[in-house]
């Protein structure tokens, strides 16, 4: 287990920063054969400038519990690409329902992104979480149950 500090936007991207110290650990996952494509659609008009990252509000993308998001790397908008999808507030675990409502857009050309335009497509895949026991916990558990 490792102590980490989560740093996130409290109210809006570029607004107040919130920090939270928590215990975390690495774990694996297995991805099932079923997935979905979701569209990130602009929810606002925004002027964009070449090479200046811009956050753009998008129609909500709901992620069910135990779902992971992978980018579909095909460029879908003529002015640029989506680097990441985001939501403000405290981060949630993969076991919880999450809602993504902003895109971090990386323009390659100057122009205007308009409400209703497709920014990108994302792959939503369902995963089974495989939590690892803390180092030594498995051995301790076995020793307690199988005393010879």
N, C-alpha and C. Protein backbone atom coordinates (compact mmCIF):
# COMPACT_ATOMS: atom_id res chain seq x y z
N UNK A 1 0.86 -1.17 0.00
CA UNK A 1 0.00 0.00 0.00
C UNK A 1 0.91 1.24 0.00
N UNK A 2 0.48 2.25 -0.71
CA UNK A 2 1.24 3.49 -0.84
C UNK A 2 0.35 4.66 -0.48
N UNK A 3 0.92 5.64 0.21
CA UNK A 3 0.20 6.88 0.47
C UNK A 3 0.37 7.78 -0.74
N UNK A 4 -0.73 8.29 -1.27
CA UNK A 4 -0.68 9.19 -2.41
C UNK A 4 -1.50 10.45 -2.11
N UNK A 5 -1.24 11.48 -2.88
CA UNK A 5 -2.03 12.70 -2.78
C UNK A 5 -2.78 12.88 -4.09
N UNK A 6 -4.11 12.88 -4.00
CA UNK A 6 -4.95 13.12 -5.17
C UNK A 6 -5.11 14.63 -5.32
N UNK A 7 -4.88 15.14 -6.52
CA UNK A 7 -5.03 16.57 -6.79
C UNK A 7 -6.07 16.70 -7.89
N UNK A 8 -7.17 17.41 -7.59
CA UNK A 8 -8.25 17.52 -8.57
C UNK A 8 -8.85 18.92 -8.52
N UNK A 9 -9.65 19.22 -9.52
CA UNK A 9 -10.37 20.50 -9.55
C UNK A 9 -11.62 20.35 -8.71
N UNK A 10 -11.85 21.27 -7.80
CA UNK A 10 -13.00 21.19 -6.90
C UNK A 10 -14.29 21.60 -7.58
N UNK A 11 -14.26 22.71 -8.33
CA UNK A 11 -15.49 23.26 -8.88
C UNK A 11 -15.53 23.29 -10.40
N UNK A 12 -14.40 23.59 -11.03
CA UNK A 12 -14.32 23.62 -12.49
C UNK A 12 -12.86 23.51 -12.89
N UNK A 13 -12.62 23.06 -14.10
CA UNK A 13 -11.25 22.97 -14.59
C UNK A 13 -10.67 24.37 -14.66
N UNK A 14 -9.54 24.57 -14.02
CA UNK A 14 -8.94 25.90 -13.95
C UNK A 14 -9.39 26.68 -12.73
N UNK A 15 -10.25 26.09 -11.91
CA UNK A 15 -10.77 26.75 -10.72
C UNK A 15 -9.96 26.39 -9.49
N UNK A 16 -10.68 26.14 -8.40
CA UNK A 16 -10.02 25.82 -7.13
C UNK A 16 -9.53 24.38 -7.11
N UNK A 17 -8.31 24.20 -6.64
CA UNK A 17 -7.71 22.86 -6.56
C UNK A 17 -8.01 22.26 -5.19
N UNK A 18 -8.31 20.97 -5.18
CA UNK A 18 -8.56 20.24 -3.94
C UNK A 18 -7.54 19.11 -3.84
N UNK A 19 -7.01 18.90 -2.64
CA UNK A 19 -6.02 17.84 -2.40
C UNK A 19 -6.55 16.89 -1.34
N UNK A 20 -6.26 15.60 -1.54
CA UNK A 20 -6.70 14.60 -0.58
C UNK A 20 -5.63 13.52 -0.49
N UNK A 21 -5.17 13.23 0.72
CA UNK A 21 -4.20 12.17 0.94
C UNK A 21 -4.96 10.89 1.24
N UNK A 22 -4.57 9.80 0.60
CA UNK A 22 -5.25 8.53 0.78
C UNK A 22 -4.28 7.38 0.60
N UNK A 23 -4.67 6.21 1.04
CA UNK A 23 -3.89 5.00 0.81
C UNK A 23 -4.35 4.39 -0.51
N UNK A 24 -3.41 3.91 -1.29
CA UNK A 24 -3.74 3.32 -2.58
C UNK A 24 -2.84 2.11 -2.83
N UNK A 25 -3.28 1.25 -3.71
CA UNK A 25 -2.46 0.11 -4.09
C UNK A 25 -2.76 -0.26 -5.53
N UNK A 26 -1.82 -0.90 -6.15
CA UNK A 26 -1.99 -1.33 -7.54
C UNK A 26 -2.83 -2.61 -7.57
N UNK A 27 -3.61 -2.76 -8.60
CA UNK A 27 -4.34 -3.99 -8.80
C UNK A 27 -4.61 -4.16 -10.28
N UNK A 28 -4.93 -5.37 -10.66
CA UNK A 28 -5.16 -5.67 -12.06
C UNK A 28 -6.64 -5.74 -12.38
N UNK A 29 -6.93 -5.97 -13.65
CA UNK A 29 -8.31 -6.13 -14.08
C UNK A 29 -8.34 -7.03 -15.31
N UNK A 30 -9.49 -7.63 -15.52
CA UNK A 30 -9.73 -8.43 -16.71
C UNK A 30 -10.83 -7.74 -17.49
N UNK A 31 -10.64 -7.58 -18.79
CA UNK A 31 -11.63 -6.92 -19.63
C UNK A 31 -12.47 -7.97 -20.33
N UNK A 32 -13.78 -7.79 -20.27
CA UNK A 32 -14.70 -8.72 -20.93
C UNK A 32 -14.77 -8.47 -22.43
N UNK A 33 -15.51 -9.29 -23.10
CA UNK A 33 -15.61 -9.18 -24.56
C UNK A 33 -16.68 -8.19 -25.02
N UNK A 34 -17.45 -7.65 -24.09
CA UNK A 34 -18.51 -6.70 -24.43
C UNK A 34 -18.05 -5.28 -24.15
N UNK A 35 -18.32 -4.37 -25.05
CA UNK A 35 -17.98 -2.97 -24.85
C UNK A 35 -18.98 -2.09 -25.59
N UNK A 36 -18.83 -0.79 -25.41
CA UNK A 36 -19.72 0.17 -26.07
C UNK A 36 -18.89 1.33 -26.60
N UNK A 37 -19.39 1.97 -27.63
CA UNK A 37 -18.81 3.21 -28.11
C UNK A 37 -19.71 4.34 -27.65
N UNK A 38 -19.10 5.37 -27.10
CA UNK A 38 -19.84 6.56 -26.71
C UNK A 38 -19.24 7.76 -27.43
N UNK A 39 -20.07 8.70 -27.78
CA UNK A 39 -19.62 9.89 -28.48
C UNK A 39 -19.45 11.05 -27.51
N UNK A 40 -18.34 11.76 -27.63
CA UNK A 40 -18.13 13.00 -26.87
C UNK A 40 -18.60 14.14 -27.77
N UNK A 41 -19.72 14.75 -27.42
CA UNK A 41 -20.36 15.77 -28.24
C UNK A 41 -20.27 17.11 -27.51
N UNK A 42 -19.79 18.14 -28.20
CA UNK A 42 -19.63 19.47 -27.60
C UNK A 42 -20.98 19.99 -27.10
N UNK A 43 -20.95 20.55 -25.88
CA UNK A 43 -22.15 21.10 -25.26
C UNK A 43 -22.12 22.63 -25.28
N UNK A 44 -21.06 23.19 -25.88
CA UNK A 44 -20.91 24.64 -25.93
C UNK A 44 -20.10 25.03 -27.16
N UNK A 45 -20.23 26.31 -27.54
CA UNK A 45 -19.39 26.87 -28.60
C UNK A 45 -18.09 27.35 -27.96
N UNK A 46 -16.97 27.13 -28.64
CA UNK A 46 -15.69 27.54 -28.08
C UNK A 46 -14.71 27.86 -29.20
N UNK A 47 -14.10 29.04 -29.11
CA UNK A 47 -13.02 29.40 -30.03
C UNK A 47 -11.76 28.67 -29.58
N UNK A 48 -11.05 28.05 -30.51
CA UNK A 48 -9.82 27.33 -30.16
C UNK A 48 -8.65 27.87 -30.98
N UNK A 49 -7.48 27.81 -30.38
CA UNK A 49 -6.26 28.28 -31.03
C UNK A 49 -5.27 27.15 -31.14
N UNK A 50 -4.61 27.07 -32.26
CA UNK A 50 -3.63 26.03 -32.53
C UNK A 50 -2.65 25.88 -31.35
N UNK A 51 -2.44 24.63 -30.93
CA UNK A 51 -1.47 24.25 -29.89
C UNK A 51 -1.79 24.77 -28.49
N UNK A 52 -3.00 25.25 -28.23
CA UNK A 52 -3.39 25.69 -26.89
C UNK A 52 -4.50 24.78 -26.37
N UNK A 53 -4.16 23.93 -25.40
CA UNK A 53 -5.15 23.02 -24.84
C UNK A 53 -6.35 23.79 -24.32
N UNK A 54 -7.53 23.24 -24.51
CA UNK A 54 -8.77 23.92 -24.16
C UNK A 54 -9.72 22.90 -23.57
N UNK A 55 -10.38 23.24 -22.46
CA UNK A 55 -11.43 22.35 -21.96
C UNK A 55 -12.75 22.77 -22.59
N UNK A 56 -13.50 21.77 -23.04
CA UNK A 56 -14.79 21.99 -23.70
C UNK A 56 -15.82 21.13 -22.99
N UNK A 57 -16.91 21.74 -22.56
CA UNK A 57 -17.99 20.98 -21.94
C UNK A 57 -18.61 20.05 -22.98
N UNK A 58 -18.92 18.81 -22.54
CA UNK A 58 -19.52 17.82 -23.44
C UNK A 58 -20.81 17.29 -22.82
N UNK A 59 -21.64 16.70 -23.66
CA UNK A 59 -22.82 16.00 -23.16
C UNK A 59 -22.34 14.91 -22.21
N UNK A 60 -23.06 14.68 -21.12
CA UNK A 60 -22.63 13.70 -20.12
C UNK A 60 -22.42 12.32 -20.74
N UNK A 61 -21.31 11.70 -20.35
CA UNK A 61 -21.04 10.30 -20.69
C UNK A 61 -21.05 9.55 -19.36
N UNK A 62 -22.04 8.68 -19.18
CA UNK A 62 -22.16 7.94 -17.94
C UNK A 62 -21.37 6.64 -18.02
N UNK A 63 -20.52 6.44 -17.03
CA UNK A 63 -19.75 5.21 -16.94
C UNK A 63 -20.35 4.34 -15.85
N UNK A 64 -20.82 3.16 -16.20
CA UNK A 64 -21.37 2.29 -15.16
C UNK A 64 -20.26 1.79 -14.24
N UNK A 65 -20.62 1.26 -13.08
CA UNK A 65 -19.60 0.68 -12.20
C UNK A 65 -18.79 -0.38 -12.95
N UNK A 66 -17.51 -0.44 -12.62
CA UNK A 66 -16.56 -1.41 -13.18
C UNK A 66 -16.34 -1.25 -14.68
N UNK A 67 -16.55 -0.04 -15.19
CA UNK A 67 -16.28 0.23 -16.60
C UNK A 67 -15.01 1.06 -16.70
N UNK A 68 -14.23 0.79 -17.75
CA UNK A 68 -13.03 1.58 -18.00
C UNK A 68 -13.17 2.22 -19.38
N UNK A 69 -12.47 3.33 -19.57
CA UNK A 69 -12.55 4.07 -20.83
C UNK A 69 -11.20 4.02 -21.51
N UNK A 70 -11.23 3.69 -22.79
CA UNK A 70 -10.02 3.72 -23.61
C UNK A 70 -10.31 4.61 -24.81
N UNK A 71 -9.33 5.40 -25.22
CA UNK A 71 -9.58 6.29 -26.35
C UNK A 71 -9.66 5.52 -27.66
N UNK A 72 -10.48 6.01 -28.56
CA UNK A 72 -10.50 5.54 -29.94
C UNK A 72 -9.62 6.54 -30.68
N UNK A 73 -8.45 6.13 -31.14
CA UNK A 73 -7.44 7.09 -31.58
C UNK A 73 -7.68 7.69 -32.96
N UNK A 74 -8.79 7.40 -33.57
CA UNK A 74 -9.09 7.99 -34.88
C UNK A 74 -9.55 9.43 -34.68
N UNK A 75 -8.93 10.36 -35.41
CA UNK A 75 -9.31 11.78 -35.30
C UNK A 75 -10.73 11.97 -35.82
N UNK A 76 -11.58 12.60 -35.01
CA UNK A 76 -12.99 12.78 -35.37
C UNK A 76 -13.36 14.22 -35.64
N UNK A 77 -12.52 15.17 -35.27
CA UNK A 77 -12.84 16.58 -35.47
C UNK A 77 -11.71 17.22 -36.28
N UNK A 78 -12.06 18.01 -37.27
CA UNK A 78 -11.07 18.59 -38.17
C UNK A 78 -10.10 19.55 -37.48
N UNK A 79 -10.52 20.17 -36.38
CA UNK A 79 -9.65 21.16 -35.74
C UNK A 79 -8.65 20.56 -34.76
N UNK A 80 -8.88 19.32 -34.28
CA UNK A 80 -7.94 18.76 -33.31
C UNK A 80 -8.39 17.44 -32.74
N UNK A 81 -7.75 17.07 -31.64
CA UNK A 81 -8.03 15.78 -31.01
C UNK A 81 -8.35 15.97 -29.53
N UNK A 82 -9.03 15.00 -28.97
CA UNK A 82 -9.31 14.99 -27.53
C UNK A 82 -8.19 14.24 -26.84
N UNK A 83 -7.51 14.93 -25.91
CA UNK A 83 -6.42 14.31 -25.16
C UNK A 83 -6.96 13.48 -23.99
N UNK A 84 -8.05 13.95 -23.39
CA UNK A 84 -8.59 13.28 -22.21
C UNK A 84 -10.03 13.73 -21.99
N UNK A 85 -10.78 12.91 -21.28
CA UNK A 85 -12.11 13.29 -20.81
C UNK A 85 -12.00 13.48 -19.31
N UNK A 86 -12.83 14.34 -18.74
CA UNK A 86 -12.68 14.68 -17.33
C UNK A 86 -14.02 14.94 -16.66
N UNK A 87 -13.95 14.94 -15.34
CA UNK A 87 -15.05 15.36 -14.48
C UNK A 87 -14.41 16.05 -13.29
N UNK A 88 -15.01 17.10 -12.80
CA UNK A 88 -14.44 17.80 -11.64
C UNK A 88 -14.96 17.16 -10.36
N UNK A 89 -14.32 17.50 -9.26
CA UNK A 89 -14.70 16.95 -7.97
C UNK A 89 -13.80 15.80 -7.58
N UNK A 90 -14.12 15.21 -6.43
CA UNK A 90 -13.30 14.12 -5.92
C UNK A 90 -13.34 12.93 -6.87
N UNK A 91 -12.17 12.34 -7.13
CA UNK A 91 -12.13 11.16 -7.99
C UNK A 91 -12.92 10.01 -7.35
N UNK A 92 -13.53 9.20 -8.21
CA UNK A 92 -14.28 8.04 -7.73
C UNK A 92 -13.57 6.78 -8.18
N UNK A 93 -13.76 5.72 -7.42
CA UNK A 93 -13.19 4.43 -7.77
C UNK A 93 -13.91 3.82 -8.95
N UNK A 94 -13.26 2.88 -9.59
CA UNK A 94 -13.84 2.22 -10.76
C UNK A 94 -15.11 1.45 -10.39
N UNK A 95 -15.27 1.14 -9.10
CA UNK A 95 -16.45 0.39 -8.67
C UNK A 95 -17.71 1.26 -8.62
N UNK A 96 -17.55 2.56 -8.74
CA UNK A 96 -18.69 3.48 -8.65
C UNK A 96 -19.09 3.99 -10.03
N UNK A 97 -20.35 4.42 -10.14
CA UNK A 97 -20.82 5.08 -11.36
C UNK A 97 -20.12 6.44 -11.45
N UNK A 98 -19.67 6.80 -12.65
CA UNK A 98 -19.00 8.08 -12.86
C UNK A 98 -19.61 8.77 -14.07
N UNK A 99 -19.48 10.10 -14.10
CA UNK A 99 -19.99 10.88 -15.23
C UNK A 99 -18.87 11.78 -15.73
N UNK A 100 -18.56 11.67 -17.02
CA UNK A 100 -17.56 12.53 -17.66
C UNK A 100 -18.31 13.66 -18.35
N UNK A 101 -17.88 14.91 -18.14
CA UNK A 101 -18.64 16.02 -18.72
C UNK A 101 -17.76 17.11 -19.33
N UNK A 102 -16.46 16.86 -19.44
CA UNK A 102 -15.58 17.81 -20.11
C UNK A 102 -14.53 17.06 -20.92
N UNK A 103 -14.13 17.67 -22.01
CA UNK A 103 -13.06 17.12 -22.85
C UNK A 103 -11.89 18.09 -22.82
N UNK A 104 -10.70 17.55 -22.76
CA UNK A 104 -9.49 18.35 -22.91
C UNK A 104 -9.14 18.24 -24.38
N UNK A 105 -9.33 19.33 -25.11
CA UNK A 105 -9.20 19.35 -26.57
C UNK A 105 -7.86 19.98 -26.95
N UNK A 106 -7.15 19.32 -27.83
CA UNK A 106 -5.85 19.82 -28.31
C UNK A 106 -5.99 20.23 -29.77
N UNK A 107 -6.19 21.54 -30.02
CA UNK A 107 -6.38 22.00 -31.39
C UNK A 107 -5.07 21.96 -32.20
N UNK A 108 -5.21 21.58 -33.44
CA UNK A 108 -4.08 21.63 -34.37
C UNK A 108 -4.24 22.80 -35.33
N UNK A 109 -5.43 23.40 -35.32
CA UNK A 109 -5.74 24.54 -36.18
C UNK A 109 -6.60 25.53 -35.41
N UNK A 110 -6.56 26.80 -35.77
CA UNK A 110 -7.44 27.81 -35.20
C UNK A 110 -8.85 27.60 -35.76
N UNK A 111 -9.84 27.92 -34.94
CA UNK A 111 -11.21 27.82 -35.44
C UNK A 111 -12.21 27.82 -34.30
N UNK A 112 -13.42 27.40 -34.62
CA UNK A 112 -14.49 27.39 -33.63
C UNK A 112 -15.11 25.99 -33.56
N UNK A 113 -15.18 25.46 -32.35
CA UNK A 113 -15.91 24.23 -32.09
C UNK A 113 -17.32 24.66 -31.70
N UNK A 114 -18.31 24.08 -32.34
CA UNK A 114 -19.71 24.47 -32.08
C UNK A 114 -20.47 23.39 -31.33
N UNK A 115 -21.45 23.83 -30.57
CA UNK A 115 -22.33 22.93 -29.83
C UNK A 115 -22.90 21.89 -30.79
N UNK A 116 -22.90 20.63 -30.35
CA UNK A 116 -23.45 19.54 -31.16
C UNK A 116 -22.42 18.83 -32.04
N UNK A 117 -21.20 19.36 -32.11
CA UNK A 117 -20.18 18.72 -32.95
C UNK A 117 -19.55 17.54 -32.22
N UNK A 118 -19.25 16.50 -32.99
CA UNK A 118 -18.58 15.31 -32.47
C UNK A 118 -17.11 15.64 -32.26
N UNK A 119 -16.63 15.44 -31.03
CA UNK A 119 -15.22 15.69 -30.74
C UNK A 119 -14.40 14.40 -30.83
N UNK A 120 -14.95 13.30 -30.30
CA UNK A 120 -14.26 12.01 -30.36
C UNK A 120 -15.23 10.90 -30.00
N UNK A 121 -14.75 9.69 -30.17
CA UNK A 121 -15.47 8.50 -29.74
C UNK A 121 -14.58 7.79 -28.73
N UNK A 122 -15.19 7.25 -27.67
CA UNK A 122 -14.42 6.50 -26.68
C UNK A 122 -14.97 5.08 -26.58
N UNK A 123 -14.08 4.17 -26.23
CA UNK A 123 -14.44 2.77 -26.00
C UNK A 123 -14.71 2.60 -24.51
N UNK A 124 -15.88 2.10 -24.17
CA UNK A 124 -16.19 1.79 -22.78
C UNK A 124 -16.22 0.27 -22.67
N UNK A 125 -15.35 -0.24 -21.83
CA UNK A 125 -15.22 -1.69 -21.66
C UNK A 125 -15.53 -2.05 -20.22
N UNK A 126 -16.13 -3.21 -20.04
CA UNK A 126 -16.48 -3.68 -18.70
C UNK A 126 -15.35 -4.55 -18.19
N UNK A 127 -14.98 -4.32 -16.94
CA UNK A 127 -13.82 -4.99 -16.37
C UNK A 127 -14.17 -5.65 -15.05
N UNK A 128 -13.49 -6.75 -14.77
CA UNK A 128 -13.57 -7.38 -13.46
C UNK A 128 -12.29 -7.00 -12.73
N UNK A 129 -12.45 -6.38 -11.58
CA UNK A 129 -11.30 -5.92 -10.81
C UNK A 129 -10.67 -7.10 -10.09
N UNK A 130 -9.36 -7.19 -10.16
CA UNK A 130 -8.60 -8.26 -9.49
C UNK A 130 -7.69 -7.61 -8.46
N UNK A 131 -8.21 -7.44 -7.27
CA UNK A 131 -7.41 -6.79 -6.22
C UNK A 131 -6.37 -7.78 -5.70
N UNK A 132 -5.15 -7.28 -5.55
CA UNK A 132 -4.09 -8.08 -4.97
C UNK A 132 -4.10 -7.91 -3.46
N UNK A 133 -3.82 -8.98 -2.75
CA UNK A 133 -3.67 -8.87 -1.31
C UNK A 133 -2.35 -8.17 -1.01
N UNK A 134 -2.33 -7.43 0.07
CA UNK A 134 -1.09 -6.76 0.47
C UNK A 134 0.01 -7.80 0.65
N UNK A 135 1.23 -7.39 0.41
CA UNK A 135 2.38 -8.29 0.49
C UNK A 135 2.36 -9.03 1.82
N UNK A 136 2.39 -10.34 1.77
CA UNK A 136 2.43 -11.16 2.97
C UNK A 136 1.06 -11.54 3.49
N UNK A 137 0.01 -10.87 3.04
CA UNK A 137 -1.34 -11.15 3.56
C UNK A 137 -1.81 -12.54 3.16
N UNK A 138 -1.51 -12.98 1.96
CA UNK A 138 -1.94 -14.31 1.51
C UNK A 138 -1.28 -15.40 2.34
N UNK A 139 0.01 -15.24 2.59
CA UNK A 139 0.73 -16.24 3.38
C UNK A 139 0.18 -16.29 4.81
N UNK A 140 -0.08 -15.13 5.38
CA UNK A 140 -0.62 -15.06 6.74
C UNK A 140 -1.99 -15.73 6.79
N UNK A 141 -2.83 -15.45 5.81
CA UNK A 141 -4.16 -16.03 5.77
C UNK A 141 -4.08 -17.55 5.69
N UNK A 142 -3.19 -18.07 4.84
CA UNK A 142 -3.02 -19.52 4.70
C UNK A 142 -2.50 -20.15 5.99
N UNK A 143 -1.53 -19.52 6.64
CA UNK A 143 -0.97 -20.06 7.88
C UNK A 143 -2.05 -20.14 8.96
N UNK A 144 -2.92 -19.14 9.05
CA UNK A 144 -3.96 -19.14 10.08
C UNK A 144 -5.01 -20.21 9.83
N UNK A 145 -5.30 -20.52 8.61
CA UNK A 145 -6.35 -21.48 8.30
C UNK A 145 -5.87 -22.91 8.20
N UNK A 146 -4.63 -23.07 7.86
CA UNK A 146 -4.10 -24.44 7.66
C UNK A 146 -2.92 -24.68 8.57
N UNK A 147 -3.17 -24.71 9.85
CA UNK A 147 -2.11 -24.95 10.83
C UNK A 147 -1.85 -26.45 10.88
N UNK A 148 -0.60 -26.81 10.79
CA UNK A 148 -0.24 -28.24 10.80
C UNK A 148 0.31 -28.63 12.14
